[in-house]
Amino acid sequence: MLGWTFNRGRSRRGMAQTVALYSVKGGVGKTAAAVNLAALSAAAGRRVLVWDLDPQSAASWYLQSEVGAERSVKKLLKPKGLAASVRPTIHNHLWVLPALPGQQAIEHHLADKKDAGYRLAKLIDPLAEQFEEIWIDAPPGLSLLADNVLRAADMVLVPMVPTHLSERTWFQLKRHLDERHIHPERLRAFLSLVDRRRRMHREFAERHRHDIPELLDSEIPYASVVEQMGEDQQPSVYREPRHPANQAYRALWDEIDSLFA
């Protein structure tokens, strides 16, 4: 694993640490990881915000927060507009900035700005004064909004299902970051939806521990308890904290936390 560490309490903006969960493709356990990892930070007593930027709005659903009210994108993408949209959850120390209707309009608005690739980082600053950690459930795919998230985050976590397609997608992402001059040292990956009974999954994990230095040691297994988050509308780490899958989230959270010196 890389030796790079992240300074807790001294993010690039000097305030809250911002961690983005990102994947080029959907269906890899990204949103469940964002919500569960944020929930573990909140359980540790930190003031935590989950920002739902995925058009599927699953993070908002998991946290029992309705999709945000219809507002003009121009008003929303101002510091006071974002702050006014933050909602408390039923969980202590945990807030959510819910997904918005017509979220694609955000990208069109960003494209009209001179600082289009950096606009989101500026919008985070006022939120970072109110929270200790901001966890972003980023939109999937390669887009202007995704590039904004990748630039704004202090750490970018990429869930990888142990398949050859994920390997190919990973190296595509690294090339994309290089082309956009987005710092690769912020990037970390973890294995997601792992089924150790499958030989391909076992072999993938063993092989790429060496050739993907950004790959963290912790891995999240495929588990029905995580799938049930959609029905329960709460983080699985709260519902069944001793379940092996949720213990795996805890191990991943500990590993991520240790990277912040």
C-alpha atoms as a PDB file:
ATOM      1  CA  MET A   1       0.000   0.000   0.000  1.00  0.00           C
ATOM      2  CA  LEU A   2       1.139   3.580  -0.582  1.00  0.00           C
ATOM      3  CA  GLY A   3       2.899   5.388   2.205  1.00  0.00           C
ATOM      4  CA  TRP A   4       0.991   8.631   1.599  1.00  0.00           C
ATOM      5  CA  THR A   5      -0.960   9.868   4.624  1.00  0.00           C
ATOM      6  CA  PHE A   6      -3.620  12.547   5.017  1.00  0.00           C
ATOM      7  CA  ASN A   7      -3.546  15.247   7.693  1.00  0.00           C
ATOM      8  CA  ARG A   8      -6.558  15.120   9.997  1.00  0.00           C
ATOM      9  CA  GLY A   9      -7.792  18.575  10.862  1.00  0.00           C
ATOM     10  CA  ARG A  10      -5.613  20.074   8.127  1.00  0.00           C
ATOM     11  CA  SER A  11      -7.414  19.360   4.897  1.00  0.00           C
ATOM     12  CA  ARG A  12      -6.553  21.395   1.831  1.00  0.00           C
ATOM     13  CA  ARG A  13      -9.207  23.876   2.928  1.00  0.00           C
ATOM     14  CA  GLY A  14      -8.096  23.744   6.584  1.00  0.00           C
ATOM     15  CA  MET A  15     -11.491  22.592   7.853  1.00  0.00           C
ATOM     16  CA  ALA A  16     -13.560  19.423   7.452  1.00  0.00           C
ATOM     17  CA  GLN A  17     -12.069  16.345   5.869  1.00  0.00           C
ATOM     18  CA  THR A  18     -13.905  15.534   2.634  1.00  0.00           C
ATOM     19  CA  VAL A  19     -14.056  11.919   1.459  1.00  0.00           C
ATOM     20  CA  ALA A  20     -15.763  10.983  -1.805  1.00  0.00           C
ATOM     21  CA  LEU A  21     -17.011   7.515  -2.738  1.00  0.00           C
ATOM     22  CA  TYR A  22     -16.693   7.286  -6.497  1.00  0.00           C
ATOM     23  CA  SER A  23     -16.965   4.707  -9.262  1.00  0.00           C
ATOM     24  CA  VAL A  24     -17.076   4.949 -13.024  1.00  0.00           C
ATOM     25  CA  LYS A  25     -19.872   2.350 -13.062  1.00  0.00           C
ATOM     26  CA  GLY A  26     -22.812   1.729 -10.743  1.00  0.00           C
ATOM     27  CA  GLY A  27     -23.788  -1.371  -8.806  1.00  0.00           C
ATOM     28  CA  VAL A  28     -20.500  -1.748  -6.918  1.00  0.00           C
ATOM     29  CA  GLY A  29     -21.619  -0.946  -3.366  1.00  0.00           C
ATOM     30  CA  LYS A  30     -20.572   2.710  -3.524  1.00  0.00           C
ATOM     31  CA  THR A  31     -23.576   4.274  -1.813  1.00  0.00           C
ATOM     32  CA  ALA A  32     -23.823   1.645   0.927  1.00  0.00           C
ATOM     33  CA  ALA A  33     -20.161   2.237   1.709  1.00  0.00           C
ATOM     34  CA  ALA A  34     -20.587   6.023   1.781  1.00  0.00           C
ATOM     35  CA  VAL A  35     -23.499   5.827   4.209  1.00  0.00           C
ATOM     36  CA  ASN A  36     -21.992   3.149   6.455  1.00  0.00           C
ATOM     37  CA  LEU A  37     -18.576   4.777   6.696  1.00  0.00           C
ATOM     38  CA  ALA A  38     -20.149   8.153   7.438  1.00  0.00           C
ATOM     39  CA  ALA A  39     -22.357   6.505  10.064  1.00  0.00           C
ATOM     40  CA  LEU A  40     -19.302   5.038  11.782  1.00  0.00           C
ATOM     41  CA  SER A  41     -17.707   8.484  11.924  1.00  0.00           C
ATOM     42  CA  ALA A  42     -20.900   9.881  13.420  1.00  0.00           C
ATOM     43  CA  ALA A  43     -20.936   7.053  15.973  1.00  0.00           C
ATOM     44  CA  ALA A  44     -17.430   8.171  16.957  1.00  0.00           C
ATOM     45  CA  GLY A  45     -18.922  11.525  17.953  1.00  0.00           C
ATOM     46  CA  ARG A  46     -17.874  13.575  14.938  1.00  0.00           C
ATOM     47  CA  ARG A  47     -20.160  16.029  13.180  1.00  0.00           C
ATOM     48  CA  VAL A  48     -20.696  14.356   9.821  1.00  0.00           C
ATOM     49  CA  LEU A  49     -22.467  15.367   6.610  1.00  0.00           C
ATOM     50  CA  VAL A  50     -23.440  12.981   3.822  1.00  0.00           C
ATOM     51  CA  TRP A  51     -23.796  14.821   0.517  1.00  0.00           C
ATOM     52  CA  ASP A  52     -25.882  12.847  -1.965  1.00  0.00           C
ATOM     53  CA  LEU A  53     -24.771  13.729  -5.487  1.00  0.00           C
ATOM     54  CA  ASP A  54     -25.798  10.433  -7.084  1.00  0.00           C
ATOM     55  CA  PRO A  55     -28.879  10.900  -9.315  1.00  0.00           C
ATOM     56  CA  GLN A  56     -30.304   7.624  -7.935  1.00  0.00           C
ATOM     57  CA  SER A  57     -30.597   9.403  -4.521  1.00  0.00           C
ATOM     58  CA  ALA A  58     -30.086   6.123  -2.637  1.00  0.00           C
ATOM     59  CA  ALA A  59     -28.053   7.760   0.144  1.00  0.00           C
ATOM     60  CA  SER A  60     -30.968  10.118   0.833  1.00  0.00           C
ATOM     61  CA  TRP A  61     -33.310   7.118   0.968  1.00  0.00           C
ATOM     62  CA  TYR A  62     -31.047   5.144   3.306  1.00  0.00           C
ATOM     63  CA  LEU A  63     -31.027   8.103   5.701  1.00  0.00           C
ATOM     64  CA  GLN A  64     -34.806   8.623   5.534  1.00  0.00           C
ATOM     65  CA  SER A  65     -34.437  11.995   3.894  1.00  0.00           C
ATOM     66  CA  GLU A  66     -36.753  13.024   1.097  1.00  0.00           C
ATOM     67  CA  VAL A  67     -35.281  14.312  -2.119  1.00  0.00           C
ATOM     68  CA  GLY A  68     -34.629  18.016  -1.760  1.00  0.00           C
ATOM     69  CA  ALA A  69     -37.230  20.567  -2.706  1.00  0.00           C
ATOM     70  CA  GLU A  70     -37.285  21.965  -6.217  1.00  0.00           C
ATOM     71  CA  ARG A  71     -35.096  25.059  -6.254  1.00  0.00           C
ATOM     72  CA  SER A  72     -33.329  26.964  -8.983  1.00  0.00           C
ATOM     73  CA  VAL A  73     -29.849  25.615  -9.565  1.00  0.00           C
ATOM     74  CA  LYS A  74     -28.501  29.161  -9.607  1.00  0.00           C
ATOM     75  CA  LYS A  75     -29.751  29.757  -6.055  1.00  0.00           C
ATOM     76  CA  LEU A  76     -28.746  26.316  -4.880  1.00  0.00           C
ATOM     77  CA  LEU A  77     -25.151  26.607  -6.038  1.00  0.00           C
ATOM     78  CA  LYS A  78     -24.450  29.450  -3.679  1.00  0.00           C
ATOM     79  CA  PRO A  79     -23.043  28.918  -0.171  1.00  0.00           C
ATOM     80  CA  LYS A  80     -26.285  29.875   1.577  1.00  0.00           C
ATOM     81  CA  GLY A  81     -28.312  27.769  -0.834  1.00  0.00           C
ATOM     82  CA  LEU A  82     -26.422  24.602   0.019  1.00  0.00           C
ATOM     83  CA  ALA A  83     -26.411  25.266   3.756  1.00  0.00           C
ATOM     84  CA  ALA A  84     -30.181  25.796   3.719  1.00  0.00           C
ATOM     85  CA  SER A  85     -30.640  22.375   2.115  1.00  0.00           C
ATOM     86  CA  VAL A  86     -28.818  20.407   4.843  1.00  0.00           C
ATOM     87  CA  ARG A  87     -31.157  18.184   6.879  1.00  0.00           C
ATOM     88  CA  PRO A  88     -30.643  16.364  10.193  1.00  0.00           C
ATOM     89  CA  THR A  89     -31.129  12.602  10.213  1.00  0.00           C
ATOM     90  CA  ILE A  90     -32.602  10.481  12.998  1.00  0.00           C
ATOM     91  CA  HIS A  91     -29.044   9.502  13.947  1.00  0.00           C
ATOM     92  CA  ASN A  92     -26.861  11.499  16.330  1.00  0.00           C
ATOM     93  CA  HIS A  93     -24.141  13.661  14.767  1.00  0.00           C
ATOM     94  CA  LEU A  94     -25.264  12.769  11.224  1.00  0.00           C
ATOM     95  CA  TRP A  95     -26.725  15.193   8.674  1.00  0.00           C
ATOM     96  CA  VAL A  96     -27.554  14.808   4.997  1.00  0.00           C
ATOM     97  CA  LEU A  97     -27.567  17.115   2.003  1.00  0.00           C
ATOM     98  CA  PRO A  98     -30.189  15.204   0.034  1.00  0.00           C
ATOM     99  CA  ALA A  99     -30.276  14.637  -3.680  1.00  0.00           C
ATOM    100  CA  LEU A 100     -32.115  17.224  -5.699  1.00  0.00           C
ATOM    101  CA  PRO A 101     -34.710  16.842  -8.431  1.00  0.00           C
ATOM    102  CA  GLY A 102     -33.249  17.477 -11.841  1.00  0.00           C
ATOM    103  CA  GLN A 103     -29.743  17.056 -10.485  1.00  0.00           C
ATOM    104  CA  GLN A 104     -28.332  16.883 -14.023  1.00  0.00           C
ATOM    105  CA  ALA A 105     -29.035  20.608 -14.257  1.00  0.00           C
ATOM    106  CA  ILE A 106     -26.177  21.167 -11.815  1.00  0.00           C
ATOM    107  CA  GLU A 107     -23.679  19.980 -14.403  1.00  0.00           C
ATOM    108  CA  HIS A 108     -25.083  22.275 -17.083  1.00  0.00           C
ATOM    109  CA  HIS A 109     -24.813  25.185 -14.660  1.00  0.00           C
ATOM    110  CA  LEU A 110     -21.217  24.305 -13.781  1.00  0.00           C
ATOM    111  CA  ALA A 111     -20.285  24.187 -17.453  1.00  0.00           C
ATOM    112  CA  ASP A 112     -21.170  27.872 -17.812  1.00  0.00           C
ATOM    113  CA  LYS A 113     -18.635  28.934 -15.184  1.00  0.00           C
ATOM    114  CA  LYS A 114     -15.055  29.986 -15.874  1.00  0.00           C
ATOM    115  CA  ASP A 115     -13.887  27.836 -12.963  1.00  0.00           C
ATOM    116  CA  ALA A 116     -16.155  24.953 -14.002  1.00  0.00           C
ATOM    117  CA  GLY A 117     -13.776  22.216 -12.877  1.00  0.00           C
ATOM    118  CA  TYR A 118     -13.236  23.696  -9.409  1.00  0.00           C
ATOM    119  CA  ARG A 119     -16.626  25.159  -8.546  1.00  0.00           C
ATOM    120  CA  LEU A 120     -17.663  22.405  -6.138  1.00  0.00           C
ATOM    121  CA  ALA A 121     -14.535  22.832  -4.011  1.00  0.00           C
ATOM    122  CA  LYS A 122     -15.477  26.471  -3.432  1.00  0.00           C
ATOM    123  CA  LEU A 123     -19.042  25.510  -2.521  1.00  0.00           C
ATOM    124  CA  ILE A 124     -17.803  23.029   0.076  1.00  0.00           C
ATOM    125  CA  ASP A 125     -15.904  25.675   2.060  1.00  0.00           C
ATOM    126  CA  PRO A 126     -18.926  27.043   4.007  1.00  0.00           C
ATOM    127  CA  LEU A 127     -20.145  23.495   4.730  1.00  0.00           C
ATOM    128  CA  ALA A 128     -16.674  22.523   5.903  1.00  0.00           C
ATOM    129  CA  GLU A 129     -16.916  25.136   8.649  1.00  0.00           C
ATOM    130  CA  GLN A 130     -19.948  23.354  10.138  1.00  0.00           C
ATOM    131  CA  PHE A 131     -18.780  19.731  10.010  1.00  0.00           C
ATOM    132  CA  GLU A 132     -15.741  17.664  10.876  1.00  0.00           C
ATOM    133  CA  GLU A 133     -16.228  15.265   7.983  1.00  0.00           C
ATOM    134  CA  ILE A 134     -18.103  15.428   4.685  1.00  0.00           C
ATOM    135  CA  TRP A 135     -18.777  12.149   2.867  1.00  0.00           C
ATOM    136  CA  ILE A 136     -19.837  12.569  -0.753  1.00  0.00           C
ATOM    137  CA  ASP A 137     -21.751   9.901  -2.642  1.00  0.00           C
ATOM    138  CA  ALA A 138     -20.455  10.929  -6.048  1.00  0.00           C
ATOM    139  CA  PRO A 139     -22.301  10.444  -9.336  1.00  0.00           C
ATOM    140  CA  PRO A 140     -21.034   7.479 -11.359  1.00  0.00           C
ATOM    141  CA  GLY A 141     -19.353   7.957 -14.698  1.00  0.00           C
ATOM    142  CA  LEU A 142     -16.877  10.421 -16.158  1.00  0.00           C
ATOM    143  CA  SER A 143     -18.435  13.875 -16.187  1.00  0.00           C
ATOM    144  CA  LEU A 144     -17.826  17.486 -15.247  1.00  0.00           C
ATOM    145  CA  LEU A 145     -19.638  17.007 -11.937  1.00  0.00           C
ATOM    146  CA  ALA A 146     -17.578  13.902 -11.169  1.00  0.00           C
ATOM    147  CA  ASP A 147     -14.385  15.809 -11.992  1.00  0.00           C
ATOM    148  CA  ASN A 148     -15.487  18.510  -9.559  1.00  0.00           C
ATOM    149  CA  VAL A 149     -15.918  15.916  -6.827  1.00  0.00           C
ATOM    150  CA  LEU A 150     -12.539  14.336  -7.580  1.00  0.00           C
ATOM    151  CA  ARG A 151     -10.841  17.722  -7.284  1.00  0.00           C
ATOM    152  CA  ALA A 152     -12.726  18.800  -4.167  1.00  0.00           C
ATOM    153  CA  ALA A 153     -12.203  15.666  -2.065  1.00  0.00           C
ATOM    154  CA  ASP A 154      -9.255  15.182   0.259  1.00  0.00           C
ATOM    155  CA  MET A 155      -9.590  11.435  -0.358  1.00  0.00           C
ATOM    156  CA  VAL A 156     -11.353   9.536  -3.137  1.00  0.00           C
ATOM    157  CA  LEU A 157     -12.413   5.965  -2.326  1.00  0.00           C
ATOM    158  CA  VAL A 158     -13.166   3.652  -5.238  1.00  0.00           C
ATOM    159  CA  PRO A 159     -15.013   0.365  -4.595  1.00  0.00           C
ATOM    160  CA  MET A 160     -13.813  -2.407  -6.898  1.00  0.00           C
ATOM    161  CA  VAL A 161     -15.724  -5.614  -7.531  1.00  0.00           C
ATOM    162  CA  PRO A 162     -13.002  -8.279  -8.042  1.00  0.00           C
ATOM    163  CA  THR A 163     -13.485  -8.816 -11.789  1.00  0.00           C
ATOM    164  CA  HIS A 164     -11.381  -8.138 -14.874  1.00  0.00           C
ATOM    165  CA  LEU A 165     -13.748  -5.344 -15.901  1.00  0.00           C
ATOM    166  CA  SER A 166     -13.078  -3.529 -12.624  1.00  0.00           C
ATOM    167  CA  GLU A 167      -9.351  -3.830 -13.253  1.00  0.00           C
ATOM    168  CA  ARG A 168      -9.758  -2.279 -16.693  1.00  0.00           C
ATOM    169  CA  THR A 169     -12.000   0.478 -15.327  1.00  0.00           C
ATOM    170  CA  TRP A 170      -9.503   1.267 -12.575  1.00  0.00           C
ATOM    171  CA  PHE A 171      -6.686   1.964 -15.011  1.00  0.00           C
ATOM    172  CA  GLN A 172      -9.054   3.974 -17.225  1.00  0.00           C
ATOM    173  CA  LEU A 173      -9.825   6.137 -14.199  1.00  0.00           C
ATOM    174  CA  LYS A 174      -6.151   6.684 -13.454  1.00  0.00           C
ATOM    175  CA  ARG A 175      -5.549   7.784 -17.054  1.00  0.00           C
ATOM    176  CA  HIS A 176      -8.530  10.116 -16.801  1.00  0.00           C
ATOM    177  CA  LEU A 177      -7.133  11.697 -13.636  1.00  0.00           C
ATOM    178  CA  ASP A 178      -3.768  12.160 -15.301  1.00  0.00           C
ATOM    179  CA  GLU A 179      -5.359  13.825 -18.335  1.00  0.00           C
ATOM    180  CA  ARG A 180      -7.361  16.169 -16.088  1.00  0.00           C
ATOM    181  CA  HIS A 181      -4.338  16.912 -13.866  1.00  0.00           C
ATOM    182  CA  ILE A 182      -6.188  15.649 -10.797  1.00  0.00           C
ATOM    183  CA  HIS A 183      -3.778  14.549  -8.078  1.00  0.00           C
ATOM    184  CA  PRO A 184      -3.658  10.726  -7.989  1.00  0.00           C
ATOM    185  CA  GLU A 185      -2.281  10.585  -4.441  1.00  0.00           C
ATOM    186  CA  ARG A 186      -5.798  11.237  -3.121  1.00  0.00           C
ATOM    187  CA  LEU A 187      -7.015   7.983  -4.647  1.00  0.00           C
ATOM    188  CA  ARG A 188      -7.623   4.776  -2.692  1.00  0.00           C
ATOM    189  CA  ALA A 189      -9.508   1.601  -3.643  1.00  0.00           C
ATOM    190  CA  PHE A 190     -11.108  -1.245  -1.734  1.00  0.00           C
ATOM    191  CA  LEU A 191     -12.625  -4.552  -2.800  1.00  0.00           C
ATOM    192  CA  SER A 192     -16.416  -4.616  -2.665  1.00  0.00           C
ATOM    193  CA  LEU A 193     -19.114  -7.290  -3.030  1.00  0.00           C
ATOM    194  CA  VAL A 194     -16.462  -9.948  -2.469  1.00  0.00           C
ATOM    195  CA  ASP A 195     -17.451 -13.615  -2.490  1.00  0.00           C
ATOM    196  CA  ARG A 196     -14.481 -15.608  -1.229  1.00  0.00           C
ATOM    197  CA  ARG A 197     -16.121 -18.819  -2.420  1.00  0.00           C
ATOM    198  CA  ARG A 198     -15.439 -17.737  -5.988  1.00  0.00           C
ATOM    199  CA  ARG A 199     -11.964 -18.518  -7.265  1.00  0.00           C
ATOM    200  CA  MET A 200     -11.893 -15.442  -9.506  1.00  0.00           C
ATOM    201  CA  HIS A 201     -12.502 -13.191  -6.495  1.00  0.00           C
ATOM    202  CA  ARG A 202      -9.762 -14.858  -4.469  1.00  0.00           C
ATOM    203  CA  GLU A 203      -7.264 -14.714  -7.318  1.00  0.00           C
ATOM    204  CA  PHE A 204      -8.086 -11.079  -8.087  1.00  0.00           C
ATOM    205  CA  ALA A 205      -7.447 -10.073  -4.469  1.00  0.00           C
ATOM    206  CA  GLU A 206      -4.152 -11.928  -4.292  1.00  0.00           C
ATOM    207  CA  ARG A 207      -2.884 -10.664  -7.648  1.00  0.00           C
ATOM    208  CA  HIS A 208      -3.730  -6.992  -7.238  1.00  0.00           C
ATOM    209  CA  ARG A 209      -2.437  -6.548  -3.718  1.00  0.00           C
ATOM    210  CA  HIS A 210       0.892  -6.064  -5.488  1.00  0.00           C
ATOM    211  CA  ASP A 211       0.152  -4.182  -8.710  1.00  0.00           C
ATOM    212  CA  ILE A 212      -2.463  -1.746  -7.334  1.00  0.00           C
ATOM    213  CA  PRO A 213      -0.635  -0.003  -4.478  1.00  0.00           C
ATOM    214  CA  GLU A 214      -3.702   2.147  -3.746  1.00  0.00           C
ATOM    215  CA  LEU A 215      -5.725  -0.955  -2.812  1.00  0.00           C
ATOM    216  CA  LEU A 216      -6.539  -1.016   0.899  1.00  0.00           C
ATOM    217  CA  ASP A 217      -6.305  -4.225   2.907  1.00  0.00           C
ATOM    218  CA  SER A 218      -9.931  -4.261   4.061  1.00  0.00           C
ATOM    219  CA  GLU A 219     -12.594  -5.735   1.794  1.00  0.00           C
ATOM    220  CA  ILE A 220     -16.384  -5.675   1.951  1.00  0.00           C
ATOM    221  CA  PRO A 221     -18.156  -8.995   1.350  1.00  0.00           C
ATOM    222  CA  TYR A 222     -21.382  -9.441  -0.543  1.00  0.00           C
ATOM    223  CA  ALA A 223     -24.079  -9.693   2.142  1.00  0.00           C
ATOM    224  CA  SER A 224     -27.861  -9.532   2.272  1.00  0.00           C
ATOM    225  CA  VAL A 225     -27.721  -7.379   5.409  1.00  0.00           C
ATOM    226  CA  VAL A 226     -26.278  -4.580   3.274  1.00  0.00           C
ATOM    227  CA  GLU A 227     -28.909  -5.062   0.576  1.00  0.00           C
ATOM    228  CA  GLN A 228     -31.582  -4.688   3.270  1.00  0.00           C
ATOM    229  CA  MET A 229     -30.551  -1.083   3.833  1.00  0.00           C
ATOM    230  CA  GLY A 230     -33.039  -0.135   1.134  1.00  0.00           C
ATOM    231  CA  GLU A 231     -35.851  -1.728   3.105  1.00  0.00           C
ATOM    232  CA  ASP A 232     -34.688  -0.691   6.573  1.00  0.00           C
ATOM    233  CA  GLN A 233     -33.677   2.855   5.602  1.00  0.00           C
ATOM    234  CA  GLN A 234     -30.796   2.931   8.025  1.00  0.00           C
ATOM    235  CA  PRO A 235     -27.069   2.157   7.923  1.00  0.00           C
ATOM    236  CA  SER A 236     -26.485  -1.562   8.254  1.00  0.00           C
ATOM    237  CA  VAL A 237     -23.628  -0.865  10.688  1.00  0.00           C
ATOM    238  CA  TYR A 238     -26.252   0.496  13.100  1.00  0.00           C
ATOM    239  CA  ARG A 239     -28.811  -2.252  12.554  1.00  0.00           C
ATOM    240  CA  GLU A 240     -26.508  -5.262  12.970  1.00  0.00           C
ATOM    241  CA  PRO A 241     -23.091  -4.008  14.083  1.00  0.00           C
ATOM    242  CA  ARG A 242     -21.736  -7.504  14.798  1.00  0.00           C
ATOM    243  CA  HIS A 243     -22.581  -8.952  11.398  1.00  0.00           C
ATOM    244  CA  PRO A 244     -19.375  -9.920   9.515  1.00  0.00           C
ATOM    245  CA  ALA A 245     -20.142  -7.494   6.677  1.00  0.00           C
ATOM    246  CA  ASN A 246     -20.562  -4.635   9.117  1.00  0.00           C
ATOM    247  CA  GLN A 247     -17.419  -5.656  10.948  1.00  0.00           C
ATOM    248  CA  ALA A 248     -15.737  -5.396   7.547  1.00  0.00           C
ATOM    249  CA  TYR A 249     -17.018  -1.813   7.206  1.00  0.00           C
ATOM    250  CA  ARG A 250     -15.596  -1.134  10.660  1.00  0.00           C
ATOM    251  CA  ALA A 251     -12.205  -2.523   9.589  1.00  0.00           C
ATOM    252  CA  LEU A 252     -12.309  -0.387   6.432  1.00  0.00           C
ATOM    253  CA  TRP A 253     -13.255   2.682   8.461  1.00  0.00           C
ATOM    254  CA  ASP A 254     -10.377   2.029  10.884  1.00  0.00           C
ATOM    255  CA  GLU A 255      -7.966   1.676   7.972  1.00  0.00           C
ATOM    256  CA  ILE A 256      -9.167   4.901   6.352  1.00  0.00           C
ATOM    257  CA  ASP A 257      -9.077   6.715   9.679  1.00  0.00           C
ATOM    258  CA  SER A 258      -5.488   5.614  10.249  1.00  0.00           C
ATOM    259  CA  LEU A 259      -4.459   7.288   6.988  1.00  0.00           C
ATOM    260  CA  PHE A 260      -5.337  10.664   8.477  1.00  0.00           C
ATOM    261  CA  ALA A 261      -2.378  11.492  10.712  1.00  0.00           C
END
